[in-house]
């Protein structure tokens, strides 16, 4: 993530949320086990995930609500997802 985009996202998170806070991550990925496992591996053990498949079963929506300590921790999660091919962060 380039520095300008990082600064913009960080500012929005700091301005809109009182930290620590529960933050909701939402991702859409191709419906393949290895993609799902790659997303799950980013989060701590015991994290609760909600899954929903698309109508044609080609895609999977993943929702995660987790306590985050600050905006930088949120950005770090998004940064870790950038290597997952086909992932769309909402």
PDB file of N, CA and C in Angstrom:
ATOM      1  N   UNK A   1       0.857  -1.170   0.000  1.00  0.00           N
ATOM      2  CA  UNK A   1       0.000   0.000   0.000  1.00  0.00           C
ATOM      3  C   UNK A   1       0.901   1.229   0.000  1.00  0.00           C
ATOM      4  N   UNK A   2       0.622   2.143  -0.923  1.00  0.00           N
ATOM      5  CA  UNK A   2       1.466   3.334  -0.970  1.00  0.00           C
ATOM      6  C   UNK A   2       1.160   4.250   0.220  1.00  0.00           C
ATOM      7  N   UNK A   3       2.118   5.090   0.541  1.00  0.00           N
ATOM      8  CA  UNK A   3       2.036   5.918   1.741  1.00  0.00           C
ATOM      9  C   UNK A   3       0.840   6.863   1.738  1.00  0.00           C
ATOM     10  N   UNK A   4       0.509   7.441   0.594  1.00  0.00           N
ATOM     11  CA  UNK A   4      -0.624   8.371   0.518  1.00  0.00           C
ATOM     12  C   UNK A   4      -1.944   7.663   0.823  1.00  0.00           C
ATOM     13  N   UNK A   5      -2.120   6.486   0.239  1.00  0.00           N
ATOM     14  CA  UNK A   5      -3.345   5.722   0.488  1.00  0.00           C
ATOM     15  C   UNK A   5      -3.406   5.277   1.952  1.00  0.00           C
ATOM     16  N   UNK A   6      -2.270   4.831   2.471  1.00  0.00           N
ATOM     17  CA  UNK A   6      -2.189   4.436   3.872  1.00  0.00           C
ATOM     18  C   UNK A   6      -2.613   5.590   4.781  1.00  0.00           C
ATOM     19  N   UNK A   7      -2.073   6.782   4.541  1.00  0.00           N
ATOM     20  CA  UNK A   7      -2.391   7.952   5.365  1.00  0.00           C
ATOM     21  C   UNK A   7      -3.873   8.309   5.282  1.00  0.00           C
ATOM     22  N   UNK A   8      -4.452   8.206   4.096  1.00  0.00           N
ATOM     23  CA  UNK A   8      -5.866   8.526   3.915  1.00  0.00           C
ATOM     24  C   UNK A   8      -6.753   7.542   4.675  1.00  0.00           C
ATOM     25  N   UNK A   9      -6.476   6.258   4.537  1.00  0.00           N
ATOM     26  CA  UNK A   9      -7.273   5.242   5.234  1.00  0.00           C
ATOM     27  C   UNK A   9      -7.103   5.385   6.743  1.00  0.00           C
ATOM     28  N   UNK A  10      -5.875   5.590   7.181  1.00  0.00           N
ATOM     29  CA  UNK A  10      -5.614   5.738   8.615  1.00  0.00           C
ATOM     30  C   UNK A  10      -6.385   6.928   9.182  1.00  0.00           C
ATOM     31  N   UNK A  11      -6.366   8.052   8.474  1.00  0.00           N
ATOM     32  CA  UNK A  11      -7.084   9.244   8.934  1.00  0.00           C
ATOM     33  C   UNK A  11      -8.578   8.973   9.048  1.00  0.00           C
ATOM     34  N   UNK A  12      -9.147   8.302   8.060  1.00  0.00           N
ATOM     35  CA  UNK A  12     -10.579   7.977   8.094  1.00  0.00           C
ATOM     36  C   UNK A  12     -10.909   7.080   9.287  1.00  0.00           C
ATOM     37  N   UNK A  13     -10.068   6.092   9.529  1.00  0.00           N
ATOM     38  CA  UNK A  13     -10.305   5.191  10.654  1.00  0.00           C
ATOM     39  C   UNK A  13     -10.177   5.909  11.994  1.00  0.00           C
ATOM     40  N   UNK A  14      -9.172   6.754  12.126  1.00  0.00           N
ATOM     41  CA  UNK A  14      -8.969   7.488  13.375  1.00  0.00           C
ATOM     42  C   UNK A  14     -10.117   8.465  13.617  1.00  0.00           C
ATOM     43  N   UNK A  15     -10.558   9.144  12.565  1.00  0.00           N
ATOM     44  CA  UNK A  15     -11.623  10.133  12.696  1.00  0.00           C
ATOM     45  C   UNK A  15     -12.997   9.516  12.968  1.00  0.00           C
ATOM     46  N   UNK A  16     -13.214   8.292  12.502  1.00  0.00           N
ATOM     47  CA  UNK A  16     -14.556   7.717  12.575  1.00  0.00           C
ATOM     48  C   UNK A  16     -14.758   6.721  13.716  1.00  0.00           C
ATOM     49  N   UNK A  17     -13.688   6.348  14.409  1.00  0.00           N
ATOM     50  CA  UNK A  17     -13.795   5.277  15.393  1.00  0.00           C
ATOM     51  C   UNK A  17     -13.024   5.616  16.648  1.00  0.00           C
ATOM     52  N   UNK A  18     -13.589   5.231  17.780  1.00  0.00           N
ATOM     53  CA  UNK A  18     -12.880   5.367  19.055  1.00  0.00           C
ATOM     54  C   UNK A  18     -12.224   4.018  19.347  1.00  0.00           C
ATOM     55  N   UNK A  19     -10.905   4.034  19.462  1.00  0.00           N
ATOM     56  CA  UNK A  19     -10.138   2.792  19.624  1.00  0.00           C
ATOM     57  C   UNK A  19      -9.825   2.533  21.078  1.00  0.00           C
ATOM     58  N   UNK A  20      -9.739   1.265  21.494  1.00  0.00           N
ATOM     59  CA  UNK A  20      -9.998   0.036  20.749  1.00  0.00           C
ATOM     60  C   UNK A  20     -11.484  -0.106  20.441  1.00  0.00           C
ATOM     61  N   UNK A  21     -11.765  -0.881  19.399  1.00  0.00           N
ATOM     62  CA  UNK A  21     -13.141  -1.034  18.939  1.00  0.00           C
ATOM     63  C   UNK A  21     -13.309  -2.345  18.182  1.00  0.00           C
ATOM     64  N   UNK A  22     -14.543  -2.811  18.142  1.00  0.00           N
ATOM     65  CA  UNK A  22     -14.846  -3.960  17.295  1.00  0.00           C
ATOM     66  C   UNK A  22     -14.930  -3.441  15.865  1.00  0.00           C
ATOM     67  N   UNK A  23     -14.187  -4.097  14.987  1.00  0.00           N
ATOM     68  CA  UNK A  23     -14.141  -3.691  13.589  1.00  0.00           C
ATOM     69  C   UNK A  23     -14.646  -4.844  12.738  1.00  0.00           C
ATOM     70  N   UNK A  24     -15.423  -4.528  11.713  1.00  0.00           N
ATOM     71  CA  UNK A  24     -15.945  -5.562  10.827  1.00  0.00           C
ATOM     72  C   UNK A  24     -15.178  -5.560   9.508  1.00  0.00           C
ATOM     73  N   UNK A  25     -14.552  -6.684   9.224  1.00  0.00           N
ATOM     74  CA  UNK A  25     -13.892  -6.905   7.948  1.00  0.00           C
ATOM     75  C   UNK A  25     -14.847  -7.693   7.062  1.00  0.00           C
ATOM     76  N   UNK A  26     -14.874  -7.353   5.783  1.00  0.00           N
ATOM     77  CA  UNK A  26     -15.699  -8.090   4.840  1.00  0.00           C
ATOM     78  C   UNK A  26     -14.875  -8.327   3.580  1.00  0.00           C
ATOM     79  N   UNK A  27     -14.819  -9.591   3.165  1.00  0.00           N
ATOM     80  CA  UNK A  27     -14.048  -9.981   1.999  1.00  0.00           C
ATOM     81  C   UNK A  27     -14.913 -10.836   1.079  1.00  0.00           C
ATOM     82  N   UNK A  28     -14.631 -10.768  -0.218  1.00  0.00           N
ATOM     83  CA  UNK A  28     -15.218 -11.678  -1.187  1.00  0.00           C
ATOM     84  C   UNK A  28     -14.052 -12.348  -1.893  1.00  0.00           C
ATOM     85  N   UNK A  29     -14.110 -13.689  -1.962  1.00  0.00           N
ATOM     86  CA  UNK A  29     -13.036 -14.452  -2.588  1.00  0.00           C
ATOM     87  C   UNK A  29     -13.632 -15.535  -3.476  1.00  0.00           C
ATOM     88  N   UNK A  30     -12.832 -16.047  -4.416  1.00  0.00           N
ATOM     89  CA  UNK A  30     -13.276 -17.231  -5.152  1.00  0.00           C
ATOM     90  C   UNK A  30     -13.520 -18.359  -4.147  1.00  0.00           C
ATOM     91  N   UNK A  31     -14.544 -19.136  -4.367  1.00  0.00           N
ATOM     92  CA  UNK A  31     -14.948 -20.180  -3.420  1.00  0.00           C
ATOM     93  C   UNK A  31     -14.038 -21.402  -3.559  1.00  0.00           C
ATOM     94  N   UNK A  32     -12.838 -21.288  -3.003  1.00  0.00           N
ATOM     95  CA  UNK A  32     -11.848 -22.365  -3.014  1.00  0.00           C
ATOM     96  C   UNK A  32     -11.283 -22.491  -1.611  1.00  0.00           C
ATOM     97  N   UNK A  33     -11.103 -23.727  -1.166  1.00  0.00           N
ATOM     98  CA  UNK A  33     -10.637 -23.974   0.200  1.00  0.00           C
ATOM     99  C   UNK A  33      -9.332 -23.261   0.527  1.00  0.00           C
ATOM    100  N   UNK A  34      -8.388 -23.239  -0.408  1.00  0.00           N
ATOM    101  CA  UNK A  34      -7.091 -22.624  -0.110  1.00  0.00           C
ATOM    102  C   UNK A  34      -7.218 -21.113   0.085  1.00  0.00           C
ATOM    103  N   UNK A  35      -8.165 -20.481  -0.605  1.00  0.00           N
ATOM    104  CA  UNK A  35      -8.388 -19.033  -0.434  1.00  0.00           C
ATOM    105  C   UNK A  35      -9.007 -18.773   0.943  1.00  0.00           C
ATOM    106  N   UNK A  36      -9.977 -19.591   1.306  1.00  0.00           N
ATOM    107  CA  UNK A  36     -10.629 -19.457   2.606  1.00  0.00           C
ATOM    108  C   UNK A  36      -9.614 -19.637   3.726  1.00  0.00           C
ATOM    109  N   UNK A  37      -8.785 -20.645   3.617  1.00  0.00           N
ATOM    110  CA  UNK A  37      -7.777 -20.903   4.643  1.00  0.00           C
ATOM    111  C   UNK A  37      -6.749 -19.775   4.722  1.00  0.00           C
ATOM    112  N   UNK A  38      -6.415 -19.178   3.596  1.00  0.00           N
ATOM    113  CA  UNK A  38      -5.465 -18.058   3.583  1.00  0.00           C
ATOM    114  C   UNK A  38      -6.021 -16.862   4.346  1.00  0.00           C
ATOM    115  N   UNK A  39      -7.311 -16.591   4.182  1.00  0.00           N
ATOM    116  CA  UNK A  39      -7.941 -15.488   4.920  1.00  0.00           C
ATOM    117  C   UNK A  39      -7.991 -15.827   6.404  1.00  0.00           C
ATOM    118  N   UNK A  40      -8.421 -17.025   6.738  1.00  0.00           N
ATOM    119  CA  UNK A  40      -8.533 -17.420   8.138  1.00  0.00           C
ATOM    120  C   UNK A  40      -7.186 -17.370   8.858  1.00  0.00           C
ATOM    121  N   UNK A  41      -6.107 -17.668   8.140  1.00  0.00           N
ATOM    122  CA  UNK A  41      -4.778 -17.701   8.755  1.00  0.00           C
ATOM    123  C   UNK A  41      -4.289 -16.323   9.183  1.00  0.00           C
ATOM    124  N   UNK A  42      -4.871 -15.280   8.649  1.00  0.00           N
ATOM    125  CA  UNK A  42      -4.463 -13.911   8.989  1.00  0.00           C
ATOM    126  C   UNK A  42      -4.928 -13.519  10.394  1.00  0.00           C
ATOM    127  N   UNK A  43      -6.023 -14.100  10.828  1.00  0.00           N
ATOM    128  CA  UNK A  43      -6.645 -13.713  12.099  1.00  0.00           C
ATOM    129  C   UNK A  43      -6.228 -14.654  13.225  1.00  0.00           C
ATOM    130  N   UNK A  44      -6.302 -14.172  14.476  1.00  0.00           N
ATOM    131  CA  UNK A  44      -5.929 -15.010  15.619  1.00  0.00           C
ATOM    132  C   UNK A  44      -6.830 -16.239  15.744  1.00  0.00           C
ATOM    133  N   UNK A  45      -6.271 -17.289  16.350  1.00  0.00           N
ATOM    134  CA  UNK A  45      -7.068 -18.489  16.624  1.00  0.00           C
ATOM    135  C   UNK A  45      -8.280 -18.111  17.454  1.00  0.00           C
ATOM    136  N   UNK A  46      -9.392 -18.760  17.176  1.00  0.00           N
ATOM    137  CA  UNK A  46     -10.611 -18.502  17.922  1.00  0.00           C
ATOM    138  C   UNK A  46     -11.480 -17.409  17.326  1.00  0.00           C
ATOM    139  N   UNK A  47     -11.009 -16.754  16.271  1.00  0.00           N
ATOM    140  CA  UNK A  47     -11.797 -15.709  15.611  1.00  0.00           C
ATOM    141  C   UNK A  47     -13.032 -16.329  14.980  1.00  0.00           C
ATOM    142  N   UNK A  48     -14.158 -15.659  15.137  1.00  0.00           N
ATOM    143  CA  UNK A  48     -15.418 -16.122  14.546  1.00  0.00           C
ATOM    144  C   UNK A  48     -15.569 -15.563  13.136  1.00  0.00           C
ATOM    145  N   UNK A  49     -15.925 -16.434  12.196  1.00  0.00           N
ATOM    146  CA  UNK A  49     -16.123 -16.048  10.807  1.00  0.00           C
ATOM    147  C   UNK A  49     -17.563 -16.357  10.404  1.00  0.00           C
ATOM    148  N   UNK A  50     -18.134 -15.504   9.559  1.00  0.00           N
ATOM    149  CA  UNK A  50     -19.441 -15.782   8.958  1.00  0.00           C
ATOM    150  C   UNK A  50     -19.201 -15.924   7.458  1.00  0.00           C
ATOM    151  N   UNK A  51     -19.752 -17.004   6.875  1.00  0.00           N
ATOM    152  CA  UNK A  51     -19.545 -17.292   5.462  1.00  0.00           C
ATOM    153  C   UNK A  51     -20.886 -17.312   4.738  1.00  0.00           C
ATOM    154  N   UNK A  52     -20.861 -16.837   3.487  1.00  0.00           N
ATOM    155  CA  UNK A  52     -22.053 -16.901   2.648  1.00  0.00           C
ATOM    156  C   UNK A  52     -21.587 -17.082   1.208  1.00  0.00           C
ATOM    157  N   UNK A  53     -22.133 -18.095   0.551  1.00  0.00           N
ATOM    158  CA  UNK A  53     -21.749 -18.339  -0.833  1.00  0.00           C
ATOM    159  C   UNK A  53     -22.651 -17.564  -1.782  1.00  0.00           C
ATOM    160  N   UNK A  54     -22.098 -17.267  -2.957  1.00  0.00           N
ATOM    161  CA  UNK A  54     -22.883 -16.589  -3.982  1.00  0.00           C
ATOM    162  C   UNK A  54     -23.913 -17.565  -4.552  1.00  0.00           C
ATOM    163  N   UNK A  55     -24.858 -17.030  -5.278  1.00  0.00           N
ATOM    164  CA  UNK A  55     -25.947 -17.833  -5.831  1.00  0.00           C
ATOM    165  C   UNK A  55     -25.425 -18.996  -6.677  1.00  0.00           C
ATOM    166  N   UNK A  56     -24.381 -18.743  -7.462  1.00  0.00           N
ATOM    167  CA  UNK A  56     -23.840 -19.803  -8.318  1.00  0.00           C
ATOM    168  C   UNK A  56     -22.683 -20.567  -7.667  1.00  0.00           C
ATOM    169  N   UNK A  57     -22.441 -20.306  -6.383  1.00  0.00           N
ATOM    170  CA  UNK A  57     -21.420 -20.984  -5.577  1.00  0.00           C
ATOM    171  C   UNK A  57     -19.982 -20.680  -6.023  1.00  0.00           C
ATOM    172  N   UNK A  58     -19.778 -19.699  -6.888  1.00  0.00           N
ATOM    173  CA  UNK A  58     -18.440 -19.388  -7.385  1.00  0.00           C
ATOM    174  C   UNK A  58     -17.647 -18.527  -6.407  1.00  0.00           C
ATOM    175  N   UNK A  59     -18.346 -17.756  -5.580  1.00  0.00           N
ATOM    176  CA  UNK A  59     -17.680 -16.824  -4.662  1.00  0.00           C
ATOM    177  C   UNK A  59     -18.160 -17.033  -3.237  1.00  0.00           C
ATOM    178  N   UNK A  60     -17.316 -16.623  -2.323  1.00  0.00           N
ATOM    179  CA  UNK A  60     -17.609 -16.747  -0.906  1.00  0.00           C
ATOM    180  C   UNK A  60     -17.411 -15.396  -0.237  1.00  0.00           C
ATOM    181  N   UNK A  61     -18.396 -14.977   0.531  1.00  0.00           N
ATOM    182  CA  UNK A  61     -18.289 -13.755   1.320  1.00  0.00           C
ATOM    183  C   UNK A  61     -17.879 -14.158   2.732  1.00  0.00           C
ATOM    184  N   UNK A  62     -16.874 -13.463   3.259  1.00  0.00           N
ATOM    185  CA  UNK A  62     -16.395 -13.736   4.617  1.00  0.00           C
ATOM    186  C   UNK A  62     -16.532 -12.453   5.431  1.00  0.00           C
ATOM    187  N   UNK A  63     -17.206 -12.547   6.566  1.00  0.00           N
ATOM    188  CA  UNK A  63     -17.354 -11.418   7.475  1.00  0.00           C
ATOM    189  C   UNK A  63     -16.693 -11.781   8.796  1.00  0.00           C
ATOM    190  N   UNK A  64     -15.900 -10.843   9.298  1.00  0.00           N
ATOM    191  CA  UNK A  64     -15.192 -11.047  10.561  1.00  0.00           C
ATOM    192  C   UNK A  64     -15.405  -9.812  11.422  1.00  0.00           C
ATOM    193  N   UNK A  65     -15.886 -10.006  12.637  1.00  0.00           N
ATOM    194  CA  UNK A  65     -15.986  -8.922  13.615  1.00  0.00           C
ATOM    195  C   UNK A  65     -14.996  -9.253  14.722  1.00  0.00           C
ATOM    196  N   UNK A  66     -14.052  -8.327  14.922  1.00  0.00           N
ATOM    197  CA  UNK A  66     -12.977  -8.600  15.874  1.00  0.00           C
ATOM    198  C   UNK A  66     -12.547  -7.295  16.550  1.00  0.00           C
ATOM    199  N   UNK A  67     -12.141  -7.406  17.804  1.00  0.00           N
ATOM    200  CA  UNK A  67     -11.645  -6.252  18.546  1.00  0.00           C
ATOM    201  C   UNK A  67     -10.272  -5.870  18.006  1.00  0.00           C
ATOM    202  N   UNK A  68     -10.153  -4.619  17.602  1.00  0.00           N
ATOM    203  CA  UNK A  68      -8.892  -4.106  17.080  1.00  0.00           C
ATOM    204  C   UNK A  68      -8.422  -2.986  17.997  1.00  0.00           C
ATOM    205  N   UNK A  69      -7.102  -2.921  18.224  1.00  0.00           N
ATOM    206  CA  UNK A  69      -6.586  -1.934  19.176  1.00  0.00           C
ATOM    207  C   UNK A  69      -6.487  -0.532  18.595  1.00  0.00           C
ATOM    208  N   UNK A  70      -6.251  -0.442  17.266  1.00  0.00           N
ATOM    209  CA  UNK A  70      -6.130   0.883  16.656  1.00  0.00           C
ATOM    210  C   UNK A  70      -6.217   0.783  15.135  1.00  0.00           C
ATOM    211  N   UNK A  71      -6.184   1.927  14.489  1.00  0.00           N
ATOM    212  CA  UNK A  71      -6.291   1.987  13.026  1.00  0.00           C
ATOM    213  C   UNK A  71      -5.144   1.254  12.352  1.00  0.00           C
ATOM    214  N   UNK A  72      -3.956   1.336  12.920  1.00  0.00           N
ATOM    215  CA  UNK A  72      -2.802   0.666  12.326  1.00  0.00           C
ATOM    216  C   UNK A  72      -2.974  -0.858  12.316  1.00  0.00           C
ATOM    217  N   UNK A  73      -3.606  -1.399  13.340  1.00  0.00           N
ATOM    218  CA  UNK A  73      -3.854  -2.844  13.387  1.00  0.00           C
ATOM    219  C   UNK A  73      -4.827  -3.264  12.286  1.00  0.00           C
ATOM    220  N   UNK A  74      -5.830  -2.430  12.024  1.00  0.00           N
ATOM    221  CA  UNK A  74      -6.783  -2.701  10.944  1.00  0.00           C
ATOM    222  C   UNK A  74      -6.052  -2.692   9.602  1.00  0.00           C
ATOM    223  N   UNK A  75      -5.252  -1.688   9.388  1.00  0.00           N
ATOM    224  CA  UNK A  75      -4.512  -1.572   8.127  1.00  0.00           C
ATOM    225  C   UNK A  75      -3.555  -2.749   7.956  1.00  0.00           C
ATOM    226  N   UNK A  76      -2.974  -3.215   9.030  1.00  0.00           N
ATOM    227  CA  UNK A  76      -2.060  -4.358   8.962  1.00  0.00           C
ATOM    228  C   UNK A  76      -2.783  -5.613   8.465  1.00  0.00           C
ATOM    229  N   UNK A  77      -4.029  -5.790   8.907  1.00  0.00           N
ATOM    230  CA  UNK A  77      -4.822  -6.935   8.430  1.00  0.00           C
ATOM    231  C   UNK A  77      -5.050  -6.814   6.926  1.00  0.00           C
ATOM    232  N   UNK A  78      -5.516  -5.639   6.492  1.00  0.00           N
ATOM    233  CA  UNK A  78      -5.743  -5.449   5.061  1.00  0.00           C
ATOM    234  C   UNK A  78      -4.450  -5.656   4.267  1.00  0.00           C
ATOM    235  N   UNK A  79      -3.338  -5.213   4.806  1.00  0.00           N
ATOM    236  CA  UNK A  79      -2.062  -5.355   4.129  1.00  0.00           C
ATOM    237  C   UNK A  79      -1.697  -6.835   3.950  1.00  0.00           C
ATOM    238  N   UNK A  80      -2.045  -7.659   4.925  1.00  0.00           N
ATOM    239  CA  UNK A  80      -1.751  -9.089   4.852  1.00  0.00           C
ATOM    240  C   UNK A  80      -2.615  -9.808   3.820  1.00  0.00           C
ATOM    241  N   UNK A  81      -3.745  -9.211   3.451  1.00  0.00           N
ATOM    242  CA  UNK A  81      -4.634  -9.865   2.480  1.00  0.00           C
ATOM    243  C   UNK A  81      -4.232  -9.598   1.038  1.00  0.00           C
ATOM    244  N   UNK A  82      -3.343  -8.664   0.803  1.00  0.00           N
ATOM    245  CA  UNK A  82      -3.041  -8.265  -0.572  1.00  0.00           C
ATOM    246  C   UNK A  82      -2.392  -9.373  -1.397  1.00  0.00           C
ATOM    247  N   UNK A  83      -1.847 -10.389  -0.762  1.00  0.00           N
ATOM    248  CA  UNK A  83      -1.227 -11.499  -1.495  1.00  0.00           C
ATOM    249  C   UNK A  83      -2.237 -12.572  -1.913  1.00  0.00           C
ATOM    250  N   UNK A  84      -3.467 -12.473  -1.465  1.00  0.00           N
ATOM    251  CA  UNK A  84      -4.467 -13.496  -1.772  1.00  0.00           C
ATOM    252  C   UNK A  84      -5.125 -13.149  -3.116  1.00  0.00           C
ATOM    253  N   UNK A  85      -4.801 -13.922  -4.126  1.00  0.00           N
ATOM    254  CA  UNK A  85      -5.284 -13.646  -5.477  1.00  0.00           C
ATOM    255  C   UNK A  85      -6.809 -13.754  -5.537  1.00  0.00           C
ATOM    256  N   UNK A  86      -7.427 -12.752  -6.135  1.00  0.00           N
ATOM    257  CA  UNK A  86      -8.866 -12.752  -6.312  1.00  0.00           C
ATOM    258  C   UNK A  86      -9.654 -12.185  -5.142  1.00  0.00           C
ATOM    259  N   UNK A  87      -8.970 -11.806  -4.058  1.00  0.00           N
ATOM    260  CA  UNK A  87      -9.660 -11.273  -2.878  1.00  0.00           C
ATOM    261  C   UNK A  87     -10.100  -9.837  -3.125  1.00  0.00           C
ATOM    262  N   UNK A  88     -11.328  -9.552  -2.747  1.00  0.00           N
ATOM    263  CA  UNK A  88     -11.861  -8.193  -2.796  1.00  0.00           C
ATOM    264  C   UNK A  88     -12.224  -7.811  -1.370  1.00  0.00           C
ATOM    265  N   UNK A  89     -11.592  -6.749  -0.858  1.00  0.00           N
ATOM    266  CA  UNK A  89     -11.896  -6.257   0.485  1.00  0.00           C
ATOM    267  C   UNK A  89     -12.957  -5.172   0.350  1.00  0.00           C
ATOM    268  N   UNK A  90     -14.027  -5.318   1.098  1.00  0.00           N
ATOM    269  CA  UNK A  90     -15.122  -4.337   1.026  1.00  0.00           C
ATOM    270  C   UNK A  90     -15.065  -3.386   2.200  1.00  0.00           C
TER     271      UNK A  90
END
